Amino acid sequence: MDIGETLTARCKIVDELDGARYRLTTGIENDADEIVLDGTATVLIDPIPE
């Protein structure tokens, strides 16, 4: 990756865990459609505040 390069980040929910937790796949592609980062993440989704 270079300074000023445009990157595209994508994530997809692949598993619903207990509570409000979800497992995601993650990926970042550069201008040449090359994957420069990939992995998984577990996130907690809080309720929308009123």
Protein backbone atom coordinates (compact mmCIF):
# COMPACT_ATOMS: atom_id res chain seq x y z
CA MET A 1 0.00 0.00 0.00
CA ASP A 2 1.16 3.51 -0.78
CA ILE A 3 0.21 6.86 0.68
CA GLY A 4 -2.72 8.25 -1.29
CA GLU A 5 -3.74 4.86 -2.70
CA THR A 6 -7.46 4.13 -2.71
CA LEU A 7 -8.41 1.01 -0.77
CA THR A 8 -11.69 -0.88 -0.63
CA ALA A 9 -12.71 -2.58 2.63
CA ARG A 10 -15.32 -5.32 2.75
CA CYS A 11 -16.78 -7.36 5.57
CA LYS A 12 -19.41 -10.06 5.73
CA ILE A 13 -21.27 -11.49 8.73
CA VAL A 14 -20.57 -15.24 8.66
CA ASP A 15 -21.74 -16.39 12.10
CA GLU A 16 -24.12 -15.22 14.82
CA LEU A 17 -22.62 -15.91 18.23
CA ASP A 18 -24.28 -15.65 21.64
CA GLY A 19 -25.80 -12.33 22.64
CA ALA A 20 -25.27 -9.53 20.18
CA ARG A 21 -21.89 -10.82 18.97
CA TYR A 22 -21.14 -11.69 15.35
CA ARG A 23 -18.16 -13.14 13.49
CA LEU A 24 -17.12 -11.29 10.33
CA THR A 25 -14.73 -11.97 7.50
CA THR A 26 -12.76 -8.89 6.54
CA GLY A 27 -10.70 -7.89 3.54
CA ILE A 28 -9.02 -4.86 2.01
CA GLU A 29 -8.17 -4.57 -1.70
CA ASN A 30 -5.94 -2.02 -3.44
CA ASP A 31 -6.49 -0.25 -6.80
CA ALA A 32 -5.20 -3.35 -8.66
CA ASP A 33 -7.84 -5.58 -6.95
CA GLU A 34 -5.08 -7.30 -4.94
CA ILE A 35 -5.94 -8.39 -1.41
CA VAL A 36 -3.62 -6.50 0.95
CA LEU A 37 -5.28 -7.57 4.21
CA ASP A 38 -7.68 -10.35 5.14
CA GLY A 39 -8.88 -11.90 8.35
CA THR A 40 -11.77 -12.37 10.74
CA ALA A 41 -13.22 -10.26 13.52
CA THR A 42 -15.71 -10.73 16.33
CA VAL A 43 -17.85 -7.68 17.00
CA LEU A 44 -20.46 -6.69 19.55
CA ILE A 45 -23.39 -4.75 18.11
CA ASP A 46 -25.01 -2.44 20.66
CA PRO A 47 -28.68 -1.47 20.39
CA ILE A 48 -29.42 1.78 18.56
CA PRO A 49 -29.69 4.59 21.13
CA GLU A 50 -33.03 6.36 21.42
